[in-house]
N, C-alpha and C. Protein backbone atom coordinates (compact mmCIF):
# COMPACT_ATOMS: atom_id res chain seq x y z
N MET A 1 19.57 60.54 38.23
CA MET A 1 18.25 60.71 37.63
C MET A 1 18.30 60.36 36.15
N ARG A 2 19.34 60.90 35.50
CA ARG A 2 19.49 60.63 34.07
C ARG A 2 19.75 59.15 33.82
N LYS A 3 20.53 58.53 34.71
CA LYS A 3 20.82 57.11 34.57
C LYS A 3 19.55 56.28 34.76
N SER A 4 18.67 56.67 35.64
CA SER A 4 17.41 55.96 35.87
C SER A 4 16.52 56.02 34.64
N LYS A 5 16.48 57.19 33.96
CA LYS A 5 15.67 57.30 32.74
C LYS A 5 16.21 56.39 31.64
N LEU A 6 17.53 56.30 31.51
CA LEU A 6 18.12 55.45 30.49
C LEU A 6 17.80 53.98 30.75
N GLN A 7 17.81 53.60 32.02
CA GLN A 7 17.48 52.22 32.36
C GLN A 7 16.03 51.90 32.01
N ARG A 8 15.11 52.89 32.29
CA ARG A 8 13.70 52.65 31.98
C ARG A 8 13.50 52.53 30.47
N ARG A 9 14.20 53.40 29.70
CA ARG A 9 14.09 53.32 28.24
C ARG A 9 14.62 51.98 27.72
N SER A 10 15.69 51.49 28.30
CA SER A 10 16.26 50.21 27.89
C SER A 10 15.30 49.06 28.18
N GLN A 11 14.67 49.11 29.34
CA GLN A 11 13.71 48.08 29.69
C GLN A 11 12.49 48.12 28.78
N THR A 12 12.03 49.34 28.46
CA THR A 12 10.89 49.49 27.56
C THR A 12 11.21 48.95 26.17
N GLY A 13 12.41 49.23 25.69
CA GLY A 13 12.83 48.73 24.38
C GLY A 13 12.94 47.21 24.37
N SER A 14 13.42 46.64 25.46
CA SER A 14 13.53 45.18 25.53
C SER A 14 12.16 44.52 25.51
N ILE A 15 11.19 45.11 26.21
CA ILE A 15 9.83 44.57 26.22
C ILE A 15 9.21 44.68 24.83
N ALA A 16 9.46 45.81 24.15
CA ALA A 16 8.90 46.00 22.81
C ALA A 16 9.50 45.01 21.82
N GLU A 17 10.75 44.62 22.00
CA GLU A 17 11.39 43.67 21.09
C GLU A 17 11.03 42.23 21.42
N PHE A 18 10.55 41.99 22.63
CA PHE A 18 10.26 40.62 23.05
C PHE A 18 9.11 40.01 22.25
N ALA A 19 8.09 40.81 21.95
CA ALA A 19 6.92 40.30 21.22
C ALA A 19 7.28 39.77 19.83
N PRO A 20 7.98 40.54 18.98
CA PRO A 20 8.33 39.97 17.67
C PRO A 20 9.29 38.78 17.76
N VAL A 21 10.19 38.81 18.76
CA VAL A 21 11.08 37.65 18.92
C VAL A 21 10.29 36.41 19.30
N LEU A 22 9.29 36.58 20.16
CA LEU A 22 8.44 35.47 20.56
C LEU A 22 7.63 34.96 19.38
N PHE A 23 7.15 35.88 18.54
CA PHE A 23 6.38 35.49 17.35
C PHE A 23 7.26 34.67 16.40
N ILE A 24 8.47 35.15 16.18
CA ILE A 24 9.38 34.44 15.28
C ILE A 24 9.72 33.06 15.83
N PHE A 25 9.92 32.98 17.15
CA PHE A 25 10.28 31.71 17.75
C PHE A 25 9.17 30.68 17.58
N PHE A 26 7.92 31.08 17.85
CA PHE A 26 6.81 30.14 17.77
C PHE A 26 6.44 29.82 16.32
N MET A 27 6.28 30.85 15.49
CA MET A 27 5.78 30.67 14.13
C MET A 27 6.84 30.18 13.15
N MET A 28 8.06 30.51 13.38
CA MET A 28 9.11 30.15 12.44
C MET A 28 9.97 28.96 12.88
N ILE A 29 9.95 28.66 14.19
CA ILE A 29 10.83 27.60 14.68
C ILE A 29 10.04 26.49 15.37
N LEU A 30 9.32 26.81 16.43
CA LEU A 30 8.70 25.78 17.25
C LEU A 30 7.57 25.06 16.51
N PHE A 31 6.59 25.80 15.99
CA PHE A 31 5.46 25.17 15.32
C PHE A 31 5.87 24.40 14.07
N PRO A 32 6.75 24.96 13.20
CA PRO A 32 7.22 24.13 12.08
C PRO A 32 7.95 22.87 12.52
N LEU A 33 8.69 22.95 13.63
CA LEU A 33 9.37 21.76 14.13
C LEU A 33 8.36 20.71 14.61
N ILE A 34 7.31 21.16 15.24
CA ILE A 34 6.25 20.22 15.66
C ILE A 34 5.62 19.56 14.43
N ASN A 35 5.38 20.33 13.37
CA ASN A 35 4.82 19.77 12.15
C ASN A 35 5.78 18.77 11.51
N LEU A 36 7.07 19.06 11.57
CA LEU A 36 8.06 18.14 11.01
C LEU A 36 8.06 16.81 11.77
N ILE A 37 7.95 16.88 13.09
CA ILE A 37 7.87 15.66 13.89
C ILE A 37 6.58 14.91 13.56
N GLY A 38 5.48 15.64 13.41
CA GLY A 38 4.22 15.01 13.03
C GLY A 38 4.29 14.35 11.67
N TYR A 39 5.02 14.96 10.74
CA TYR A 39 5.17 14.39 9.41
C TYR A 39 5.94 13.07 9.47
N GLY A 40 7.00 13.03 10.26
CA GLY A 40 7.75 11.79 10.42
C GLY A 40 6.88 10.69 11.02
N THR A 41 6.06 11.04 12.00
CA THR A 41 5.14 10.07 12.60
C THR A 41 4.13 9.57 11.58
N ALA A 42 3.62 10.49 10.74
CA ALA A 42 2.64 10.11 9.72
C ALA A 42 3.25 9.18 8.67
N CYS A 43 4.48 9.44 8.26
CA CYS A 43 5.15 8.56 7.29
C CYS A 43 5.30 7.16 7.85
N ALA A 44 5.68 7.06 9.11
CA ALA A 44 5.81 5.75 9.75
C ALA A 44 4.44 5.06 9.84
N THR A 45 3.39 5.83 10.06
CA THR A 45 2.05 5.25 10.14
C THR A 45 1.59 4.71 8.79
N VAL A 46 1.89 5.42 7.71
CA VAL A 46 1.53 4.94 6.37
C VAL A 46 2.26 3.63 6.06
N GLN A 47 3.53 3.55 6.40
CA GLN A 47 4.27 2.31 6.20
C GLN A 47 3.71 1.19 7.08
N PHE A 48 3.30 1.53 8.27
CA PHE A 48 2.69 0.55 9.17
C PHE A 48 1.39 0.01 8.58
N ILE A 49 0.58 0.90 8.00
CA ILE A 49 -0.67 0.48 7.36
C ILE A 49 -0.39 -0.44 6.18
N GLY A 50 0.58 -0.08 5.35
CA GLY A 50 0.91 -0.91 4.20
C GLY A 50 1.39 -2.30 4.60
N THR A 51 2.24 -2.37 5.60
CA THR A 51 2.76 -3.66 6.05
C THR A 51 1.65 -4.54 6.61
N ASN A 52 0.76 -3.97 7.38
CA ASN A 52 -0.33 -4.76 7.96
C ASN A 52 -1.35 -5.17 6.91
N CYS A 53 -1.57 -4.35 5.90
CA CYS A 53 -2.49 -4.72 4.82
C CYS A 53 -1.92 -5.88 4.00
N ALA A 54 -0.62 -5.83 3.70
CA ALA A 54 0.00 -6.93 2.97
C ALA A 54 -0.03 -8.22 3.78
N THR A 55 0.18 -8.13 5.08
CA THR A 55 0.13 -9.31 5.94
C THR A 55 -1.27 -9.88 6.02
N ALA A 56 -2.28 -8.99 6.06
CA ALA A 56 -3.68 -9.45 6.10
C ALA A 56 -4.04 -10.17 4.81
N ALA A 57 -3.56 -9.66 3.67
CA ALA A 57 -3.83 -10.33 2.39
C ALA A 57 -3.08 -11.65 2.29
N GLN A 58 -1.92 -11.73 2.89
CA GLN A 58 -1.07 -12.92 2.79
C GLN A 58 -1.78 -14.17 3.26
N ASN A 59 -2.57 -14.07 4.32
CA ASN A 59 -3.20 -15.24 4.93
C ASN A 59 -4.60 -15.51 4.39
N ALA A 60 -5.07 -14.74 3.41
CA ALA A 60 -6.42 -14.92 2.87
C ALA A 60 -6.48 -16.17 2.02
N ALA A 61 -7.65 -16.85 2.07
CA ALA A 61 -7.82 -18.09 1.32
C ALA A 61 -8.11 -17.83 -0.15
N SER A 62 -8.61 -16.66 -0.49
CA SER A 62 -8.93 -16.32 -1.88
C SER A 62 -8.62 -14.86 -2.11
N TYR A 63 -8.61 -14.46 -3.39
CA TYR A 63 -8.30 -13.06 -3.69
C TYR A 63 -9.40 -12.14 -3.18
N ALA A 64 -10.66 -12.57 -3.27
CA ALA A 64 -11.76 -11.76 -2.76
C ALA A 64 -11.62 -11.53 -1.26
N ASP A 65 -11.22 -12.58 -0.54
CA ASP A 65 -11.00 -12.43 0.90
C ASP A 65 -9.83 -11.49 1.19
N ALA A 66 -8.82 -11.52 0.32
CA ALA A 66 -7.66 -10.64 0.50
C ALA A 66 -8.07 -9.18 0.34
N LEU A 67 -8.91 -8.88 -0.65
CA LEU A 67 -9.38 -7.50 -0.83
C LEU A 67 -10.17 -7.03 0.38
N THR A 68 -11.04 -7.88 0.89
CA THR A 68 -11.83 -7.51 2.07
C THR A 68 -10.93 -7.28 3.28
N ALA A 69 -9.92 -8.13 3.44
CA ALA A 69 -9.00 -7.98 4.57
C ALA A 69 -8.21 -6.68 4.47
N VAL A 70 -7.79 -6.33 3.26
CA VAL A 70 -7.04 -5.08 3.07
C VAL A 70 -7.92 -3.87 3.37
N GLU A 71 -9.15 -3.90 2.89
CA GLU A 71 -10.06 -2.77 3.15
C GLU A 71 -10.30 -2.59 4.64
N ASN A 72 -10.61 -3.68 5.33
CA ASN A 72 -10.90 -3.59 6.76
C ASN A 72 -9.68 -3.14 7.56
N MET A 73 -8.51 -3.65 7.20
CA MET A 73 -7.29 -3.29 7.92
C MET A 73 -6.96 -1.82 7.72
N SER A 74 -7.03 -1.34 6.48
CA SER A 74 -6.67 0.05 6.21
C SER A 74 -7.65 1.02 6.88
N LYS A 75 -8.93 0.76 6.73
CA LYS A 75 -9.91 1.67 7.34
C LYS A 75 -9.85 1.62 8.86
N GLY A 76 -9.57 0.44 9.40
CA GLY A 76 -9.47 0.32 10.85
C GLY A 76 -8.29 1.11 11.41
N LEU A 77 -7.13 1.00 10.74
CA LEU A 77 -5.95 1.72 11.22
C LEU A 77 -6.06 3.23 10.98
N THR A 78 -6.67 3.62 9.86
CA THR A 78 -6.81 5.06 9.57
C THR A 78 -7.72 5.75 10.58
N SER A 79 -8.76 5.04 11.02
CA SER A 79 -9.68 5.63 11.99
C SER A 79 -9.25 5.40 13.43
N SER A 80 -8.15 4.69 13.63
CA SER A 80 -7.67 4.45 14.99
C SER A 80 -6.89 5.65 15.51
N GLY A 81 -6.37 5.51 16.71
CA GLY A 81 -5.60 6.61 17.29
C GLY A 81 -4.36 6.94 16.50
N PHE A 82 -3.73 5.91 15.90
CA PHE A 82 -2.54 6.16 15.08
C PHE A 82 -2.89 7.05 13.89
N GLY A 83 -3.95 6.67 13.16
CA GLY A 83 -4.33 7.43 11.97
C GLY A 83 -4.79 8.83 12.28
N LYS A 84 -5.53 8.98 13.37
CA LYS A 84 -6.02 10.31 13.74
C LYS A 84 -4.88 11.21 14.20
N PHE A 85 -3.94 10.65 14.95
CA PHE A 85 -2.80 11.45 15.39
C PHE A 85 -1.95 11.87 14.20
N ALA A 86 -1.80 10.97 13.22
CA ALA A 86 -1.01 11.29 12.02
C ALA A 86 -1.75 12.21 11.07
N ASN A 87 -3.05 12.40 11.28
CA ASN A 87 -3.86 13.31 10.46
C ASN A 87 -3.84 12.88 8.99
N LEU A 88 -4.18 11.59 8.76
CA LEU A 88 -4.13 11.02 7.42
C LEU A 88 -5.47 11.10 6.73
N SER A 89 -5.42 11.23 5.40
CA SER A 89 -6.60 11.17 4.55
C SER A 89 -6.31 10.22 3.39
N PRO A 90 -7.09 9.13 3.23
CA PRO A 90 -6.82 8.20 2.13
C PRO A 90 -7.08 8.84 0.78
N GLN A 91 -6.25 8.50 -0.19
CA GLN A 91 -6.37 9.00 -1.55
C GLN A 91 -6.60 7.82 -2.49
N GLY A 92 -7.86 7.61 -2.86
CA GLY A 92 -8.18 6.51 -3.76
C GLY A 92 -8.05 5.17 -3.06
N GLY A 93 -7.60 4.16 -3.82
CA GLY A 93 -7.48 2.83 -3.27
C GLY A 93 -8.76 2.04 -3.41
N TYR A 94 -8.72 0.78 -3.00
CA TYR A 94 -9.88 -0.10 -3.08
C TYR A 94 -10.98 0.40 -2.14
N LYS A 95 -12.11 0.74 -2.72
CA LYS A 95 -13.25 1.29 -1.98
C LYS A 95 -12.83 2.49 -1.13
N ASN A 96 -11.91 3.30 -1.69
CA ASN A 96 -11.44 4.54 -1.07
C ASN A 96 -10.82 4.29 0.32
N CYS A 97 -10.11 3.17 0.44
CA CYS A 97 -9.44 2.88 1.72
C CYS A 97 -7.99 3.36 1.71
N GLY A 98 -7.52 3.86 0.56
CA GLY A 98 -6.15 4.35 0.49
C GLY A 98 -5.12 3.32 0.08
N VAL A 99 -5.55 2.07 -0.12
CA VAL A 99 -4.62 0.98 -0.45
C VAL A 99 -5.14 0.22 -1.66
N ASP A 100 -4.28 0.01 -2.65
CA ASP A 100 -4.57 -0.84 -3.80
C ASP A 100 -3.79 -2.13 -3.66
N LEU A 101 -4.42 -3.25 -4.08
CA LEU A 101 -3.79 -4.56 -3.96
C LEU A 101 -3.36 -5.06 -5.34
N TYR A 102 -2.10 -5.41 -5.46
CA TYR A 102 -1.53 -5.93 -6.70
C TYR A 102 -1.03 -7.36 -6.47
N LEU A 103 -0.91 -8.09 -7.59
CA LEU A 103 -0.32 -9.42 -7.56
C LEU A 103 0.98 -9.42 -8.36
N ILE A 104 2.00 -10.05 -7.82
CA ILE A 104 3.28 -10.17 -8.51
C ILE A 104 3.55 -11.66 -8.72
N GLU A 105 3.69 -12.03 -9.99
CA GLU A 105 3.98 -13.42 -10.37
C GLU A 105 5.47 -13.51 -10.71
N ILE A 106 6.18 -14.40 -10.02
CA ILE A 106 7.63 -14.49 -10.16
C ILE A 106 8.01 -15.86 -10.71
N ASP A 107 8.72 -15.85 -11.81
CA ASP A 107 9.26 -17.08 -12.39
C ASP A 107 10.77 -17.08 -12.18
N TYR A 108 11.23 -17.87 -11.20
CA TYR A 108 12.64 -17.85 -10.85
C TYR A 108 13.52 -18.57 -11.88
N SER A 109 12.91 -19.30 -12.80
CA SER A 109 13.71 -19.97 -13.81
C SER A 109 14.36 -18.99 -14.77
N ASN A 110 13.67 -17.87 -15.04
CA ASN A 110 14.24 -16.84 -15.92
C ASN A 110 14.24 -15.46 -15.27
N ASN A 111 13.92 -15.43 -13.95
CA ASN A 111 13.90 -14.18 -13.19
C ASN A 111 12.92 -13.16 -13.80
N ASN A 112 11.80 -13.66 -14.26
CA ASN A 112 10.78 -12.80 -14.87
C ASN A 112 9.70 -12.47 -13.83
N ARG A 113 9.31 -11.20 -13.80
CA ARG A 113 8.28 -10.74 -12.87
C ARG A 113 7.15 -10.09 -13.66
N GLN A 114 5.93 -10.49 -13.32
CA GLN A 114 4.75 -9.93 -13.97
C GLN A 114 3.81 -9.39 -12.89
N THR A 115 3.36 -8.14 -13.06
CA THR A 115 2.49 -7.50 -12.08
C THR A 115 1.07 -7.40 -12.63
N TYR A 116 0.08 -7.77 -11.81
CA TYR A 116 -1.33 -7.69 -12.18
C TYR A 116 -2.06 -6.81 -11.18
N GLY A 117 -3.01 -6.04 -11.67
CA GLY A 117 -3.81 -5.20 -10.78
C GLY A 117 -4.05 -3.83 -11.36
N PRO A 118 -4.62 -2.94 -10.56
CA PRO A 118 -4.92 -3.11 -9.13
C PRO A 118 -6.28 -3.77 -8.88
N ASN A 119 -6.36 -4.47 -7.77
CA ASN A 119 -7.60 -4.99 -7.22
C ASN A 119 -8.31 -5.94 -8.17
N THR A 120 -7.55 -6.70 -8.95
CA THR A 120 -8.11 -7.72 -9.83
C THR A 120 -7.37 -9.02 -9.61
N GLU A 121 -8.10 -10.13 -9.70
CA GLU A 121 -7.49 -11.42 -9.45
C GLU A 121 -6.58 -11.83 -10.60
N LEU A 122 -5.91 -12.93 -10.43
CA LEU A 122 -5.02 -13.46 -11.46
C LEU A 122 -5.82 -13.78 -12.72
N PRO A 123 -5.43 -13.25 -13.89
CA PRO A 123 -6.25 -13.43 -15.10
C PRO A 123 -6.12 -14.80 -15.73
N HIS A 124 -5.28 -15.66 -15.19
CA HIS A 124 -5.13 -17.01 -15.73
C HIS A 124 -5.05 -17.99 -14.57
N ALA A 125 -5.02 -19.24 -14.88
CA ALA A 125 -4.98 -20.26 -13.83
C ALA A 125 -3.66 -20.19 -13.05
N TYR A 126 -3.73 -20.60 -11.82
CA TYR A 126 -2.56 -20.62 -10.94
C TYR A 126 -1.53 -21.60 -11.47
N ASP A 127 -0.28 -21.18 -11.49
CA ASP A 127 0.83 -22.00 -11.97
C ASP A 127 1.69 -22.38 -10.76
N SER A 128 1.71 -23.67 -10.45
CA SER A 128 2.42 -24.12 -9.25
C SER A 128 3.93 -24.00 -9.37
N SER A 129 4.44 -23.76 -10.57
CA SER A 129 5.89 -23.61 -10.74
C SER A 129 6.37 -22.19 -10.47
N LYS A 130 5.45 -21.29 -10.16
CA LYS A 130 5.80 -19.89 -9.95
C LYS A 130 5.46 -19.45 -8.53
N ILE A 131 6.07 -18.36 -8.10
CA ILE A 131 5.83 -17.78 -6.78
C ILE A 131 4.94 -16.55 -6.94
N TYR A 132 4.01 -16.38 -6.00
CA TYR A 132 3.07 -15.26 -6.07
C TYR A 132 3.17 -14.43 -4.79
N GLU A 133 3.15 -13.12 -4.97
CA GLU A 133 3.22 -12.18 -3.85
C GLU A 133 2.08 -11.17 -3.95
N TYR A 134 1.59 -10.76 -2.79
CA TYR A 134 0.67 -9.63 -2.69
C TYR A 134 1.49 -8.36 -2.49
N GLN A 135 1.11 -7.29 -3.17
CA GLN A 135 1.75 -5.99 -2.96
C GLN A 135 0.68 -4.97 -2.61
N ALA A 136 0.80 -4.37 -1.44
CA ALA A 136 -0.12 -3.32 -1.00
C ALA A 136 0.52 -1.96 -1.28
N ARG A 137 -0.13 -1.18 -2.13
CA ARG A 137 0.37 0.16 -2.48
C ARG A 137 -0.52 1.20 -1.81
N CYS A 138 0.09 1.95 -0.89
CA CYS A 138 -0.64 2.95 -0.10
C CYS A 138 -0.48 4.33 -0.70
N ASN A 139 -1.56 5.08 -0.68
CA ASN A 139 -1.53 6.49 -1.09
C ASN A 139 -2.38 7.28 -0.11
N PHE A 140 -1.72 8.12 0.67
CA PHE A 140 -2.40 8.93 1.68
C PHE A 140 -1.96 10.38 1.56
N GLN A 141 -2.81 11.25 2.08
CA GLN A 141 -2.47 12.67 2.20
C GLN A 141 -2.22 12.98 3.67
N ILE A 142 -1.06 13.56 3.95
CA ILE A 142 -0.69 13.93 5.31
C ILE A 142 -0.98 15.41 5.50
N ASN A 143 -1.88 15.70 6.40
CA ASN A 143 -2.24 17.09 6.69
C ASN A 143 -1.36 17.64 7.82
N PRO A 144 -1.09 18.94 7.81
CA PRO A 144 -0.23 19.52 8.85
C PRO A 144 -0.79 19.28 10.25
N PHE A 145 0.09 18.94 11.17
CA PHE A 145 -0.34 18.76 12.56
C PHE A 145 -0.85 20.07 13.13
N LEU A 146 -0.16 21.16 12.83
CA LEU A 146 -0.60 22.52 13.17
C LEU A 146 -0.64 23.31 11.87
N ASN A 147 -1.83 23.67 11.43
CA ASN A 147 -1.98 24.35 10.14
C ASN A 147 -1.53 25.80 10.26
N LEU A 148 -0.42 26.13 9.56
CA LEU A 148 0.11 27.49 9.58
C LEU A 148 -0.06 28.16 8.22
N SER A 149 -1.16 27.84 7.54
CA SER A 149 -1.37 28.40 6.20
C SER A 149 -1.55 29.91 6.22
N GLY A 150 -1.92 30.47 7.36
CA GLY A 150 -2.13 31.92 7.43
C GLY A 150 -0.89 32.71 7.79
N VAL A 151 0.23 32.02 8.03
CA VAL A 151 1.46 32.72 8.41
C VAL A 151 2.19 33.14 7.15
N PRO A 152 2.48 34.43 6.98
CA PRO A 152 3.18 34.90 5.77
C PRO A 152 4.56 34.26 5.64
N GLY A 153 4.90 33.89 4.41
CA GLY A 153 6.22 33.35 4.15
C GLY A 153 6.33 31.85 4.24
N ILE A 154 5.58 31.21 5.13
CA ILE A 154 5.67 29.77 5.30
C ILE A 154 4.32 29.07 5.11
N GLY A 155 3.28 29.86 4.87
CA GLY A 155 1.94 29.28 4.75
C GLY A 155 1.77 28.38 3.55
N SER A 156 2.59 28.54 2.53
CA SER A 156 2.46 27.72 1.32
C SER A 156 3.42 26.54 1.30
N VAL A 157 4.15 26.33 2.38
CA VAL A 157 5.12 25.23 2.44
C VAL A 157 4.39 23.95 2.83
N PRO A 158 4.59 22.85 2.06
CA PRO A 158 3.97 21.58 2.44
C PRO A 158 4.39 21.13 3.83
N ILE A 159 3.49 20.47 4.50
CA ILE A 159 3.66 19.96 5.86
C ILE A 159 3.51 21.06 6.91
N ILE A 160 3.76 22.30 6.52
CA ILE A 160 3.61 23.40 7.46
C ILE A 160 2.26 24.09 7.26
N GLY A 161 1.97 24.43 6.00
CA GLY A 161 0.69 25.09 5.73
C GLY A 161 -0.14 24.39 4.69
N LYS A 162 0.40 23.35 4.06
CA LYS A 162 -0.31 22.61 3.02
C LYS A 162 -0.13 21.11 3.23
N PRO A 163 -1.11 20.30 2.76
CA PRO A 163 -0.95 18.84 2.87
C PRO A 163 0.16 18.34 1.95
N SER A 164 0.61 17.13 2.22
CA SER A 164 1.64 16.50 1.41
C SER A 164 1.25 15.06 1.15
N ALA A 165 1.57 14.56 -0.07
CA ALA A 165 1.24 13.18 -0.43
C ALA A 165 2.31 12.23 0.09
N MET A 166 1.88 11.02 0.44
CA MET A 166 2.79 10.00 0.92
C MET A 166 2.38 8.66 0.33
N ALA A 167 3.34 7.96 -0.30
CA ALA A 167 3.09 6.65 -0.89
C ALA A 167 4.05 5.64 -0.28
N SER A 168 3.57 4.40 -0.14
CA SER A 168 4.39 3.35 0.44
C SER A 168 3.93 2.00 -0.10
N ASN A 169 4.88 1.09 -0.33
CA ASN A 169 4.58 -0.25 -0.83
C ASN A 169 5.08 -1.29 0.16
N ALA A 170 4.33 -2.41 0.23
CA ALA A 170 4.74 -3.53 1.08
C ALA A 170 4.34 -4.82 0.38
N CYS A 171 5.21 -5.83 0.43
CA CYS A 171 4.97 -7.11 -0.25
C CYS A 171 5.02 -8.26 0.76
N ARG A 172 4.16 -9.26 0.51
CA ARG A 172 4.16 -10.49 1.30
C ARG A 172 3.80 -11.65 0.37
N SER A 173 4.41 -12.80 0.60
CA SER A 173 4.13 -13.98 -0.21
C SER A 173 2.71 -14.48 0.06
N ALA A 174 2.04 -14.94 -1.00
CA ALA A 174 0.68 -15.47 -0.87
C ALA A 174 0.75 -16.88 -0.28
N GLU A 175 0.09 -17.09 0.85
CA GLU A 175 0.09 -18.39 1.50
C GLU A 175 -0.83 -19.38 0.80
N HIS A 176 -1.83 -18.88 0.07
CA HIS A 176 -2.79 -19.74 -0.63
C HIS A 176 -2.88 -19.29 -2.09
N PRO A 177 -1.84 -19.52 -2.88
CA PRO A 177 -1.85 -19.05 -4.27
C PRO A 177 -2.91 -19.72 -5.13
N GLU A 178 -3.40 -20.88 -4.71
CA GLU A 178 -4.43 -21.56 -5.50
C GLU A 178 -5.75 -20.80 -5.52
N GLY A 179 -5.91 -19.84 -4.59
CA GLY A 179 -7.14 -19.05 -4.55
C GLY A 179 -7.02 -17.70 -5.23
N LEU A 180 -5.91 -17.46 -5.94
CA LEU A 180 -5.71 -16.16 -6.57
C LEU A 180 -6.52 -15.99 -7.85
N SER A 181 -7.00 -17.09 -8.43
CA SER A 181 -7.74 -17.03 -9.69
C SER A 181 -8.98 -17.90 -9.59
N SER A 182 -10.04 -17.48 -10.28
CA SER A 182 -11.26 -18.29 -10.34
C SER A 182 -11.20 -19.30 -11.47
N ILE A 183 -10.13 -19.27 -12.27
CA ILE A 183 -9.95 -20.23 -13.35
C ILE A 183 -9.35 -21.50 -12.76
N ALA A 184 -10.07 -22.59 -12.88
CA ALA A 184 -9.61 -23.83 -12.26
C ALA A 184 -8.45 -24.43 -13.04
N VAL A 185 -7.57 -25.08 -12.31
CA VAL A 185 -6.45 -25.79 -12.92
C VAL A 185 -6.91 -27.19 -13.30
N ALA A 186 -6.67 -27.60 -14.54
CA ALA A 186 -7.10 -28.91 -15.01
C ALA A 186 -6.33 -30.01 -14.29
N PRO A 187 -7.00 -31.13 -13.98
CA PRO A 187 -6.28 -32.26 -13.35
C PRO A 187 -5.17 -32.77 -14.25
N PRO A 188 -4.16 -33.41 -13.67
CA PRO A 188 -3.02 -33.87 -14.47
C PRO A 188 -3.41 -34.79 -15.62
N ASN A 189 -4.42 -35.71 -15.43
CA ASN A 189 -4.79 -36.65 -16.48
C ASN A 189 -5.55 -35.97 -17.61
N GLN A 190 -6.05 -34.73 -17.37
CA GLN A 190 -6.71 -33.98 -18.43
C GLN A 190 -5.76 -33.03 -19.13
N GLN A 191 -4.68 -32.67 -18.47
CA GLN A 191 -3.71 -31.80 -19.10
C GLN A 191 -2.96 -32.53 -20.21
N ASN A 192 -2.64 -33.82 -20.00
CA ASN A 192 -1.94 -34.63 -21.00
C ASN A 192 -2.69 -35.95 -21.16
N PRO A 193 -3.78 -36.00 -21.92
CA PRO A 193 -4.57 -37.22 -22.06
C PRO A 193 -3.76 -38.30 -22.76
N PRO A 194 -3.94 -39.58 -22.39
CA PRO A 194 -3.19 -40.67 -23.00
C PRO A 194 -3.58 -40.84 -24.46
N PRO A 195 -2.63 -41.23 -25.32
CA PRO A 195 -2.96 -41.42 -26.74
C PRO A 195 -3.84 -42.64 -26.94
N THR A 196 -4.69 -42.60 -27.94
CA THR A 196 -5.58 -43.71 -28.27
C THR A 196 -5.13 -44.34 -29.56
N ASN A 197 -5.21 -45.70 -29.66
CA ASN A 197 -4.83 -46.41 -30.87
C ASN A 197 -5.98 -46.40 -31.87
N PRO A 198 -5.74 -45.93 -33.09
CA PRO A 198 -6.82 -45.91 -34.07
C PRO A 198 -7.17 -47.33 -34.51
N PRO A 199 -8.43 -47.58 -34.81
CA PRO A 199 -8.83 -48.93 -35.26
C PRO A 199 -8.22 -49.28 -36.61
N THR A 200 -8.01 -50.58 -36.85
CA THR A 200 -7.43 -51.07 -38.10
C THR A 200 -8.52 -51.33 -39.12
N ASN A 201 -8.30 -50.82 -40.34
CA ASN A 201 -9.25 -51.00 -41.44
C ASN A 201 -10.64 -50.50 -41.11
N GLY A 202 -10.67 -49.55 -40.15
CA GLY A 202 -11.97 -48.96 -39.80
C GLY A 202 -12.86 -49.87 -39.02
N ASN A 203 -12.40 -51.03 -38.58
CA ASN A 203 -13.23 -51.97 -37.83
C ASN A 203 -12.57 -52.25 -36.49
N PRO A 204 -13.12 -51.73 -35.41
CA PRO A 204 -12.50 -51.95 -34.09
C PRO A 204 -12.38 -53.40 -33.74
N ALA A 205 -13.31 -54.23 -34.26
CA ALA A 205 -13.28 -55.64 -33.87
C ALA A 205 -12.09 -56.36 -34.45
N ASN A 206 -11.55 -55.86 -35.59
CA ASN A 206 -10.43 -56.54 -36.24
C ASN A 206 -9.08 -55.97 -35.83
N SER A 207 -9.06 -54.97 -34.92
CA SER A 207 -7.82 -54.31 -34.55
C SER A 207 -6.85 -55.25 -33.86
N GLY A 208 -7.39 -56.33 -33.23
CA GLY A 208 -6.50 -57.24 -32.51
C GLY A 208 -6.13 -58.46 -33.32
N ASN A 209 -6.66 -58.64 -34.58
CA ASN A 209 -6.36 -59.81 -35.40
C ASN A 209 -5.20 -59.55 -36.31
N ILE A 210 -4.46 -60.56 -36.66
CA ILE A 210 -3.32 -60.44 -37.56
C ILE A 210 -3.78 -60.81 -38.97
N GLY A 211 -3.57 -59.92 -39.88
CA GLY A 211 -3.92 -60.17 -41.28
C GLY A 211 -5.40 -60.36 -41.51
N GLY A 212 -6.22 -60.06 -40.51
CA GLY A 212 -7.65 -60.16 -40.68
C GLY A 212 -8.16 -61.57 -40.64
N LEU A 213 -7.31 -62.56 -40.20
CA LEU A 213 -7.70 -63.97 -40.13
C LEU A 213 -8.29 -64.29 -38.76
N HIS A 214 -9.29 -65.16 -38.76
CA HIS A 214 -9.89 -65.60 -37.52
C HIS A 214 -9.29 -66.91 -37.08
């Protein structure tokens, strides 16, 4: 009889301890692990958006077309299943799409790099002796997959109970660098005009005579 009572007390104690153990397992281990997996997925999605935006700008015929392509690509991917699953929110960028477009001018003769932007065309005429690249700079906010902000002790931890910022850059060579600037390049014969012979004695008609004799 006494042994039966001890067994019942042991079972009751085990049931009473099961609830806090279950709480700790879900709130401290399982749910944060799910958020960590979601964070990794979101980081990969931001990099995917940046790469596709740079590729979209790469094939544009002009800088204005490149900006439009970047905006459409970023907003399309953010609102797609990838962006919704990653729980992304764009932070700034061109027309609040989360992506800014920069230009990188590379002079391989002296290994000099010049960056222009964001979201502005080349401020001078295109130089055919240099290489030009588009750079897509992404800035997004990753929200927790499972918001645990109300859980004591871990509610203030980013990715678990608070959003976290994520930035990513991607570069692609410009396929049509002549469209990067609205400043036209002067034709070769206007860049170096041929020299003109000044008239002799101020009279063009006598420039071909020797000593002014007819």
